[in-house]
Amino acid sequence: MNETILLDPTSEQSPARRERRTPPAALDGLTVALLDIGKARGDVFLQQLGLRLGERGIAVRHYAKPTNTKVAPVALAQQIAEECDLVVEALSD
């Protein structure tokens, strides 16, 4: 078995080592957070993804960071953690 090392992009000097969570077998009964980080057209992608998930009966909640230049505020991260089971972030570049 190959070992996968994931690096925490918030600190190159001392990366956090965390166990990778096992992805859910299905999304039925779960709530998916769609997080817009403020990059160009990320909102369009997330709207379309939200529509597709909704068509399959999957609960979706939309969130947005106030700016793309900083990490999400702790309050937003806590809200997402309390209200949702997993997150999809819209990235670009």
PDB file of N, CA and C in Angstrom:
ATOM      1  N   MET A   1       0.844  -1.183   0.000  1.00  0.00           N
ATOM      2  CA  MET A   1       0.000   0.000   0.000  1.00  0.00           C
ATOM      3  C   MET A   1       0.888   1.245   0.000  1.00  0.00           C
ATOM      4  N   ASN A   2       0.629   2.186  -0.910  1.00  0.00           N
ATOM      5  CA  ASN A   2       1.395   3.423  -0.969  1.00  0.00           C
ATOM      6  C   ASN A   2       0.901   4.402   0.069  1.00  0.00           C
ATOM      7  N   GLU A   3       1.816   5.068   0.713  1.00  0.00           N
ATOM      8  CA  GLU A   3       1.450   6.087   1.702  1.00  0.00           C
ATOM      9  C   GLU A   3       1.243   7.405   0.982  1.00  0.00           C
ATOM     10  N   THR A   4       0.138   8.072   1.282  1.00  0.00           N
ATOM     11  CA  THR A   4      -0.147   9.378   0.720  1.00  0.00           C
ATOM     12  C   THR A   4       0.101  10.419   1.785  1.00  0.00           C
ATOM     13  N   ILE A   5       0.884  11.422   1.472  1.00  0.00           N
ATOM     14  CA  ILE A   5       1.161  12.502   2.413  1.00  0.00           C
ATOM     15  C   ILE A   5       0.429  13.738   1.932  1.00  0.00           C
ATOM     16  N   LEU A   6      -0.452  14.277   2.773  1.00  0.00           N
ATOM     17  CA  LEU A   6      -1.175  15.504   2.461  1.00  0.00           C
ATOM     18  C   LEU A   6      -0.551  16.636   3.270  1.00  0.00           C
ATOM     19  N   LEU A   7      -0.244  17.734   2.610  1.00  0.00           N
ATOM     20  CA  LEU A   7       0.338  18.879   3.300  1.00  0.00           C
ATOM     21  C   LEU A   7      -0.713  19.930   3.564  1.00  0.00           C
ATOM     22  N   ASP A   8      -0.609  20.568   4.702  1.00  0.00           N
ATOM     23  CA  ASP A   8      -1.507  21.652   5.067  1.00  0.00           C
ATOM     24  C   ASP A   8      -1.012  22.915   4.370  1.00  0.00           C
ATOM     25  N   PRO A   9      -1.796  23.491   3.449  1.00  0.00           N
ATOM     26  CA  PRO A   9      -1.318  24.648   2.685  1.00  0.00           C
ATOM     27  C   PRO A   9      -1.204  25.927   3.507  1.00  0.00           C
ATOM     28  N   THR A  10      -1.601  25.908   4.757  1.00  0.00           N
ATOM     29  CA  THR A  10      -1.554  27.129   5.568  1.00  0.00           C
ATOM     30  C   THR A  10      -0.216  27.334   6.249  1.00  0.00           C
ATOM     31  N   SER A  11       0.684  26.346   6.228  1.00  0.00           N
ATOM     32  CA  SER A  11       1.969  26.512   6.898  1.00  0.00           C
ATOM     33  C   SER A  11       3.000  25.557   6.313  1.00  0.00           C
ATOM     34  N   GLU A  12       3.912  26.065   5.533  1.00  0.00           N
ATOM     35  CA  GLU A  12       4.948  25.229   4.950  1.00  0.00           C
ATOM     36  C   GLU A  12       6.008  24.854   5.986  1.00  0.00           C
ATOM     37  N   GLN A  13       6.146  25.622   7.061  1.00  0.00           N
ATOM     38  CA  GLN A  13       7.197  25.371   8.041  1.00  0.00           C
ATOM     39  C   GLN A  13       6.884  24.184   8.938  1.00  0.00           C
ATOM     40  N   SER A  14       5.652  24.000   9.269  1.00  0.00           N
ATOM     41  CA  SER A  14       5.292  22.874  10.141  1.00  0.00           C
ATOM     42  C   SER A  14       3.934  22.323   9.713  1.00  0.00           C
ATOM     43  N   PRO A  15       3.922  21.539   8.645  1.00  0.00           N
ATOM     44  CA  PRO A  15       2.639  21.022   8.146  1.00  0.00           C
ATOM     45  C   PRO A  15       1.962  20.117   9.170  1.00  0.00           C
ATOM     46  N   ALA A  16       0.657  20.267   9.264  1.00  0.00           N
ATOM     47  CA  ALA A  16      -0.123  19.429  10.180  1.00  0.00           C
ATOM     48  C   ALA A  16      -0.297  18.050   9.566  1.00  0.00           C
ATOM     49  N   ARG A  17      -0.151  17.034  10.370  1.00  0.00           N
ATOM     50  CA  ARG A  17      -0.370  15.669   9.899  1.00  0.00           C
ATOM     51  C   ARG A  17      -1.720  15.212  10.425  1.00  0.00           C
ATOM     52  N   ARG A  18      -2.618  14.923   9.515  1.00  0.00           N
ATOM     53  CA  ARG A  18      -3.955  14.462   9.875  1.00  0.00           C
ATOM     54  C   ARG A  18      -4.277  13.221   9.075  1.00  0.00           C
ATOM     55  N   GLU A  19      -5.032  12.347   9.688  1.00  0.00           N
ATOM     56  CA  GLU A  19      -5.506  11.178   8.974  1.00  0.00           C
ATOM     57  C   GLU A  19      -6.564  11.604   7.956  1.00  0.00           C
ATOM     58  N   ARG A  20      -6.506  11.027   6.786  1.00  0.00           N
ATOM     59  CA  ARG A  20      -7.514  11.318   5.763  1.00  0.00           C
ATOM     60  C   ARG A  20      -8.819  10.663   6.180  1.00  0.00           C
ATOM     61  N   ARG A  21      -9.883  11.436   6.138  1.00  0.00           N
ATOM     62  CA  ARG A  21     -11.204  10.884   6.437  1.00  0.00           C
ATOM     63  C   ARG A  21     -11.669  10.009   5.294  1.00  0.00           C
ATOM     64  N   THR A  22     -12.359   8.961   5.641  1.00  0.00           N
ATOM     65  CA  THR A  22     -12.933   8.086   4.629  1.00  0.00           C
ATOM     66  C   THR A  22     -14.138   8.789   4.012  1.00  0.00           C
ATOM     67  N   PRO A  23     -14.176   8.909   2.685  1.00  0.00           N
ATOM     68  CA  PRO A  23     -15.328   9.561   2.055  1.00  0.00           C
ATOM     69  C   PRO A  23     -16.598   8.736   2.286  1.00  0.00           C
ATOM     70  N   PRO A  24     -17.744   9.419   2.326  1.00  0.00           N
ATOM     71  CA  PRO A  24     -18.992   8.671   2.513  1.00  0.00           C
ATOM     72  C   PRO A  24     -19.270   7.773   1.313  1.00  0.00           C
ATOM     73  N   ALA A  25     -19.912   6.650   1.574  1.00  0.00           N
ATOM     74  CA  ALA A  25     -20.268   5.725   0.500  1.00  0.00           C
ATOM     75  C   ALA A  25     -21.332   6.328  -0.411  1.00  0.00           C
ATOM     76  N   ALA A  26     -22.187   7.183   0.153  1.00  0.00           N
ATOM     77  CA  ALA A  26     -23.258   7.830  -0.606  1.00  0.00           C
ATOM     78  C   ALA A  26     -23.562   9.171   0.043  1.00  0.00           C
ATOM     79  N   LEU A  27     -24.232  10.033  -0.690  1.00  0.00           N
ATOM     80  CA  LEU A  27     -24.590  11.353  -0.172  1.00  0.00           C
ATOM     81  C   LEU A  27     -26.018  11.402   0.379  1.00  0.00           C
ATOM     82  N   ASP A  28     -26.743  10.308   0.240  1.00  0.00           N
ATOM     83  CA  ASP A  28     -28.120  10.259   0.737  1.00  0.00           C
ATOM     84  C   ASP A  28     -28.153  10.577   2.228  1.00  0.00           C
ATOM     85  N   GLY A  29     -29.018  11.510   2.602  1.00  0.00           N
ATOM     86  CA  GLY A  29     -29.183  11.868   4.003  1.00  0.00           C
ATOM     87  C   GLY A  29     -28.140  12.824   4.543  1.00  0.00           C
ATOM     88  N   LEU A  30     -27.167  13.216   3.709  1.00  0.00           N
ATOM     89  CA  LEU A  30     -26.135  14.148   4.137  1.00  0.00           C
ATOM     90  C   LEU A  30     -26.434  15.545   3.593  1.00  0.00           C
ATOM     91  N   THR A  31     -25.847  16.545   4.216  1.00  0.00           N
ATOM     92  CA  THR A  31     -25.959  17.924   3.737  1.00  0.00           C
ATOM     93  C   THR A  31     -24.595  18.346   3.216  1.00  0.00           C
ATOM     94  N   VAL A  32     -24.567  18.839   1.983  1.00  0.00           N
ATOM     95  CA  VAL A  32     -23.337  19.252   1.325  1.00  0.00           C
ATOM     96  C   VAL A  32     -23.232  20.771   1.374  1.00  0.00           C
ATOM     97  N   ALA A  33     -22.108  21.271   1.883  1.00  0.00           N
ATOM     98  CA  ALA A  33     -21.823  22.707   1.864  1.00  0.00           C
ATOM     99  C   ALA A  33     -21.114  23.026   0.563  1.00  0.00           C
ATOM    100  N   LEU A  34     -21.573  24.058  -0.137  1.00  0.00           N
ATOM    101  CA  LEU A  34     -20.908  24.545  -1.337  1.00  0.00           C
ATOM    102  C   LEU A  34     -20.300  25.892  -0.985  1.00  0.00           C
ATOM    103  N   LEU A  35     -18.977  25.939  -0.913  1.00  0.00           N
ATOM    104  CA  LEU A  35     -18.265  27.132  -0.440  1.00  0.00           C
ATOM    105  C   LEU A  35     -17.637  27.877  -1.601  1.00  0.00           C
ATOM    106  N   ASP A  36     -18.113  29.089  -1.833  1.00  0.00           N
ATOM    107  CA  ASP A  36     -17.565  29.978  -2.855  1.00  0.00           C
ATOM    108  C   ASP A  36     -16.431  30.755  -2.200  1.00  0.00           C
ATOM    109  N   ILE A  37     -15.205  30.577  -2.715  1.00  0.00           N
ATOM    110  CA  ILE A  37     -14.069  31.266  -2.115  1.00  0.00           C
ATOM    111  C   ILE A  37     -13.803  32.620  -2.774  1.00  0.00           C
ATOM    112  N   GLY A  38     -14.652  33.017  -3.715  1.00  0.00           N
ATOM    113  CA  GLY A  38     -14.546  34.351  -4.294  1.00  0.00           C
ATOM    114  C   GLY A  38     -13.725  34.444  -5.560  1.00  0.00           C
ATOM    115  N   LYS A  39     -13.358  33.322  -6.148  1.00  0.00           N
ATOM    116  CA  LYS A  39     -12.625  33.357  -7.408  1.00  0.00           C
ATOM    117  C   LYS A  39     -13.622  33.458  -8.563  1.00  0.00           C
ATOM    118  N   ALA A  40     -13.124  33.928  -9.693  1.00  0.00           N
ATOM    119  CA  ALA A  40     -13.978  34.158 -10.859  1.00  0.00           C
ATOM    120  C   ALA A  40     -14.749  32.910 -11.268  1.00  0.00           C
ATOM    121  N   ARG A  41     -16.049  33.055 -11.413  1.00  0.00           N
ATOM    122  CA  ARG A  41     -16.994  32.052 -11.896  1.00  0.00           C
ATOM    123  C   ARG A  41     -17.146  30.835 -10.986  1.00  0.00           C
ATOM    124  N   GLY A  42     -16.537  30.878  -9.808  1.00  0.00           N
ATOM    125  CA  GLY A  42     -16.748  29.801  -8.851  1.00  0.00           C
ATOM    126  C   GLY A  42     -18.203  29.718  -8.448  1.00  0.00           C
ATOM    127  N   ASP A  43     -18.855  30.874  -8.342  1.00  0.00           N
ATOM    128  CA  ASP A  43     -20.262  30.898  -7.971  1.00  0.00           C
ATOM    129  C   ASP A  43     -21.128  30.211  -9.029  1.00  0.00           C
ATOM    130  N   VAL A  44     -20.765  30.373 -10.299  1.00  0.00           N
ATOM    131  CA  VAL A  44     -21.515  29.738 -11.388  1.00  0.00           C
ATOM    132  C   VAL A  44     -21.384  28.222 -11.287  1.00  0.00           C
ATOM    133  N   PHE A  45     -20.162  27.756 -11.082  1.00  0.00           N
ATOM    134  CA  PHE A  45     -19.927  26.321 -10.930  1.00  0.00           C
ATOM    135  C   PHE A  45     -20.736  25.766  -9.759  1.00  0.00           C
ATOM    136  N   LEU A  46     -20.697  26.445  -8.611  1.00  0.00           N
ATOM    137  CA  LEU A  46     -21.394  25.948  -7.428  1.00  0.00           C
ATOM    138  C   LEU A  46     -22.908  25.985  -7.596  1.00  0.00           C
ATOM    139  N   GLN A  47     -23.430  26.990  -8.288  1.00  0.00           N
ATOM    140  CA  GLN A  47     -24.874  27.026  -8.542  1.00  0.00           C
ATOM    141  C   GLN A  47     -25.300  25.820  -9.370  1.00  0.00           C
ATOM    142  N   GLN A  48     -24.536  25.508 -10.404  1.00  0.00           N
ATOM    143  CA  GLN A  48     -24.854  24.362 -11.254  1.00  0.00           C
ATOM    144  C   GLN A  48     -24.717  23.046 -10.483  1.00  0.00           C
ATOM    145  N   LEU A  49     -23.662  22.943  -9.688  1.00  0.00           N
ATOM    146  CA  LEU A  49     -23.482  21.738  -8.880  1.00  0.00           C
ATOM    147  C   LEU A  49     -24.623  21.598  -7.875  1.00  0.00           C
ATOM    148  N   GLY A  50     -25.024  22.711  -7.262  1.00  0.00           N
ATOM    149  CA  GLY A  50     -26.134  22.684  -6.314  1.00  0.00           C
ATOM    150  C   GLY A  50     -27.430  22.220  -6.969  1.00  0.00           C
ATOM    151  N   LEU A  51     -27.681  22.679  -8.191  1.00  0.00           N
ATOM    152  CA  LEU A  51     -28.871  22.236  -8.928  1.00  0.00           C
ATOM    153  C   LEU A  51     -28.836  20.735  -9.187  1.00  0.00           C
ATOM    154  N   ARG A  52     -27.680  20.247  -9.625  1.00  0.00           N
ATOM    155  CA  ARG A  52     -27.553  18.812  -9.927  1.00  0.00           C
ATOM    156  C   ARG A  52     -27.722  17.963  -8.669  1.00  0.00           C
ATOM    157  N   LEU A  53     -27.119  18.381  -7.580  1.00  0.00           N
ATOM    158  CA  LEU A  53     -27.273  17.631  -6.329  1.00  0.00           C
ATOM    159  C   LEU A  53     -28.724  17.671  -5.854  1.00  0.00           C
ATOM    160  N   GLY A  54     -29.350  18.843  -5.952  1.00  0.00           N
ATOM    161  CA  GLY A  54     -30.741  18.987  -5.548  1.00  0.00           C
ATOM    162  C   GLY A  54     -31.668  18.096  -6.359  1.00  0.00           C
ATOM    163  N   GLU A  55     -31.383  17.941  -7.661  1.00  0.00           N
ATOM    164  CA  GLU A  55     -32.185  17.059  -8.509  1.00  0.00           C
ATOM    165  C   GLU A  55     -32.130  15.611  -8.023  1.00  0.00           C
ATOM    166  N   ARG A  56     -31.077  15.267  -7.330  1.00  0.00           N
ATOM    167  CA  ARG A  56     -30.905  13.900  -6.798  1.00  0.00           C
ATOM    168  C   ARG A  56     -31.373  13.787  -5.352  1.00  0.00           C
ATOM    169  N   GLY A  57     -32.003  14.860  -4.854  1.00  0.00           N
ATOM    170  CA  GLY A  57     -32.540  14.830  -3.500  1.00  0.00           C
ATOM    171  C   GLY A  57     -31.508  15.035  -2.410  1.00  0.00           C
ATOM    172  N   ILE A  58     -30.353  15.556  -2.762  1.00  0.00           N
ATOM    173  CA  ILE A  58     -29.282  15.789  -1.791  1.00  0.00           C
ATOM    174  C   ILE A  58     -29.405  17.215  -1.260  1.00  0.00           C
ATOM    175  N   ALA A  59     -29.373  17.344   0.062  1.00  0.00           N
ATOM    176  CA  ALA A  59     -29.484  18.655   0.695  1.00  0.00           C
ATOM    177  C   ALA A  59     -28.204  19.453   0.449  1.00  0.00           C
ATOM    178  N   VAL A  60     -28.382  20.722   0.088  1.00  0.00           N
ATOM    179  CA  VAL A  60     -27.253  21.602  -0.236  1.00  0.00           C
ATOM    180  C   VAL A  60     -27.428  22.919   0.491  1.00  0.00           C
ATOM    181  N   ARG A  61     -26.331  23.462   0.995  1.00  0.00           N
ATOM    182  CA  ARG A  61     -26.317  24.807   1.584  1.00  0.00           C
ATOM    183  C   ARG A  61     -25.168  25.575   0.950  1.00  0.00           C
ATOM    184  N   HIS A  62     -25.426  26.828   0.600  1.00  0.00           N
ATOM    185  CA  HIS A  62     -24.418  27.671  -0.048  1.00  0.00           C
ATOM    186  C   HIS A  62     -23.788  28.625   0.968  1.00  0.00           C
ATOM    187  N   TYR A  63     -22.475  28.788   0.855  1.00  0.00           N
ATOM    188  CA  TYR A  63     -21.716  29.689   1.716  1.00  0.00           C
ATOM    189  C   TYR A  63     -20.709  30.439   0.854  1.00  0.00           C
ATOM    190  N   ALA A  64     -20.208  31.565   1.361  1.00  0.00           N
ATOM    191  CA  ALA A  64     -19.186  32.318   0.634  1.00  0.00           C
ATOM    192  C   ALA A  64     -18.227  32.967   1.614  1.00  0.00           C
ATOM    193  N   LYS A  65     -16.942  32.924   1.256  1.00  0.00           N
ATOM    194  CA  LYS A  65     -15.941  33.653   2.027  1.00  0.00           C
ATOM    195  C   LYS A  65     -16.092  35.136   1.699  1.00  0.00           C
ATOM    196  N   PRO A  66     -15.801  36.022   2.652  1.00  0.00           N
ATOM    197  CA  PRO A  66     -15.912  37.453   2.364  1.00  0.00           C
ATOM    198  C   PRO A  66     -14.873  37.943   1.357  1.00  0.00           C
ATOM    199  N   THR A  67     -13.731  37.271   1.260  1.00  0.00           N
ATOM    200  CA  THR A  67     -12.688  37.656   0.311  1.00  0.00           C
ATOM    201  C   THR A  67     -11.878  36.422  -0.060  1.00  0.00           C
ATOM    202  N   ASN A  68     -11.333  36.419  -1.275  1.00  0.00           N
ATOM    203  CA  ASN A  68     -10.535  35.265  -1.683  1.00  0.00           C
ATOM    204  C   ASN A  68      -9.084  35.370  -1.239  1.00  0.00           C
ATOM    205  N   THR A  69      -8.712  36.482  -0.630  1.00  0.00           N
ATOM    206  CA  THR A  69      -7.317  36.692  -0.263  1.00  0.00           C
ATOM    207  C   THR A  69      -6.970  36.187   1.136  1.00  0.00           C
ATOM    208  N   LYS A  70      -7.956  35.766   1.893  1.00  0.00           N
ATOM    209  CA  LYS A  70      -7.704  35.293   3.257  1.00  0.00           C
ATOM    210  C   LYS A  70      -8.458  33.996   3.498  1.00  0.00           C
ATOM    211  N   VAL A  71      -8.022  33.269   4.528  1.00  0.00           N
ATOM    212  CA  VAL A  71      -8.737  32.044   4.887  1.00  0.00           C
ATOM    213  C   VAL A  71     -10.138  32.400   5.374  1.00  0.00           C
ATOM    214  N   ALA A  72     -11.010  31.418   5.355  1.00  0.00           N
ATOM    215  CA  ALA A  72     -12.389  31.640   5.822  1.00  0.00           C
ATOM    216  C   ALA A  72     -12.369  32.003   7.299  1.00  0.00           C
ATOM    217  N   PRO A  73     -13.223  32.937   7.716  1.00  0.00           N
ATOM    218  CA  PRO A  73     -13.307  33.291   9.130  1.00  0.00           C
ATOM    219  C   PRO A  73     -13.682  32.066   9.969  1.00  0.00           C
ATOM    220  N   VAL A  74     -13.172  32.006  11.171  1.00  0.00           N
ATOM    221  CA  VAL A  74     -13.441  30.878  12.061  1.00  0.00           C
ATOM    222  C   VAL A  74     -14.944  30.680  12.237  1.00  0.00           C
ATOM    223  N   ALA A  75     -15.687  31.757  12.378  1.00  0.00           N
ATOM    224  CA  ALA A  75     -17.139  31.648  12.570  1.00  0.00           C
ATOM    225  C   ALA A  75     -17.799  30.951  11.379  1.00  0.00           C
ATOM    226  N   LEU A  76     -17.355  31.253  10.165  1.00  0.00           N
ATOM    227  CA  LEU A  76     -17.913  30.612   8.972  1.00  0.00           C
ATOM    228  C   LEU A  76     -17.558  29.130   8.956  1.00  0.00           C
ATOM    229  N   ALA A  77     -16.316  28.802   9.254  1.00  0.00           N
ATOM    230  CA  ALA A  77     -15.899  27.397   9.289  1.00  0.00           C
ATOM    231  C   ALA A  77     -16.691  26.618  10.334  1.00  0.00           C
ATOM    232  N   GLN A  78     -16.913  27.223  11.486  1.00  0.00           N
ATOM    233  CA  GLN A  78     -17.694  26.563  12.537  1.00  0.00           C
ATOM    234  C   GLN A  78     -19.143  26.370  12.110  1.00  0.00           C
ATOM    235  N   GLN A  79     -19.715  27.388  11.457  1.00  0.00           N
ATOM    236  CA  GLN A  79     -21.097  27.280  10.983  1.00  0.00           C
ATOM    237  C   GLN A  79     -21.233  26.131   9.983  1.00  0.00           C
ATOM    238  N   ILE A  80     -20.301  26.050   9.058  1.00  0.00           N
ATOM    239  CA  ILE A  80     -20.344  24.975   8.067  1.00  0.00           C
ATOM    240  C   ILE A  80     -20.207  23.618   8.760  1.00  0.00           C
ATOM    241  N   ALA A  81     -19.294  23.518   9.705  1.00  0.00           N
ATOM    242  CA  ALA A  81     -19.081  22.250  10.420  1.00  0.00           C
ATOM    243  C   ALA A  81     -20.324  21.823  11.184  1.00  0.00           C
ATOM    244  N   GLU A  82     -21.061  22.784  11.730  1.00  0.00           N
ATOM    245  CA  GLU A  82     -22.272  22.475  12.491  1.00  0.00           C
ATOM    246  C   GLU A  82     -23.448  22.104  11.594  1.00  0.00           C
ATOM    247  N   GLU A  83     -23.534  22.712  10.417  1.00  0.00           N
ATOM    248  CA  GLU A  83     -24.709  22.570   9.568  1.00  0.00           C
ATOM    249  C   GLU A  83     -24.564  21.545   8.451  1.00  0.00           C
ATOM    250  N   CYS A  84     -23.348  21.117   8.152  1.00  0.00           N
ATOM    251  CA  CYS A  84     -23.128  20.259   6.983  1.00  0.00           C
ATOM    252  C   CYS A  84     -22.238  19.071   7.306  1.00  0.00           C
ATOM    253  N   ASP A  85     -22.298  18.085   6.412  1.00  0.00           N
ATOM    254  CA  ASP A  85     -21.521  16.863   6.589  1.00  0.00           C
ATOM    255  C   ASP A  85     -20.239  16.851   5.761  1.00  0.00           C
ATOM    256  N   LEU A  86     -20.232  17.560   4.633  1.00  0.00           N
ATOM    257  CA  LEU A  86     -19.036  17.668   3.814  1.00  0.00           C
ATOM    258  C   LEU A  86     -19.077  18.947   3.008  1.00  0.00           C
ATOM    259  N   VAL A  87     -17.906  19.322   2.453  1.00  0.00           N
ATOM    260  CA  VAL A  87     -17.769  20.607   1.770  1.00  0.00           C
ATOM    261  C   VAL A  87     -17.190  20.412   0.378  1.00  0.00           C
ATOM    262  N   VAL A  88     -17.714  21.192  -0.573  1.00  0.00           N
ATOM    263  CA  VAL A  88     -17.122  21.319  -1.900  1.00  0.00           C
ATOM    264  C   VAL A  88     -16.749  22.794  -2.031  1.00  0.00           C
ATOM    265  N   GLU A  89     -15.480  23.066  -2.328  1.00  0.00           N
ATOM    266  CA  GLU A  89     -15.023  24.441  -2.544  1.00  0.00           C
ATOM    267  C   GLU A  89     -14.816  24.666  -4.027  1.00  0.00           C
ATOM    268  N   ALA A  90     -15.233  25.839  -4.499  1.00  0.00           N
ATOM    269  CA  ALA A  90     -14.992  26.199  -5.887  1.00  0.00           C
ATOM    270  C   ALA A  90     -13.619  26.863  -5.973  1.00  0.00           C
ATOM    271  N   LEU A  91     -12.711  26.238  -6.706  1.00  0.00           N
ATOM    272  CA  LEU A  91     -11.363  26.773  -6.874  1.00  0.00           C
ATOM    273  C   LEU A  91     -11.143  27.157  -8.326  1.00  0.00           C
ATOM    274  N   SER A  92     -10.102  27.930  -8.543  1.00  0.00           N
ATOM    275  CA  SER A  92      -9.728  28.268  -9.923  1.00  0.00           C
ATOM    276  C   SER A  92      -8.226  28.495  -9.950  1.00  0.00           C
ATOM    277  N   ASP A  93      -7.730  28.961 -11.045  1.00  0.00           N
ATOM    278  CA  ASP A  93      -6.306  29.265 -11.297  1.00  0.00           C
ATOM    279  C   ASP A  93      -5.639  28.179 -12.051  1.00  0.00           C
TER     280      ASP A  93
END
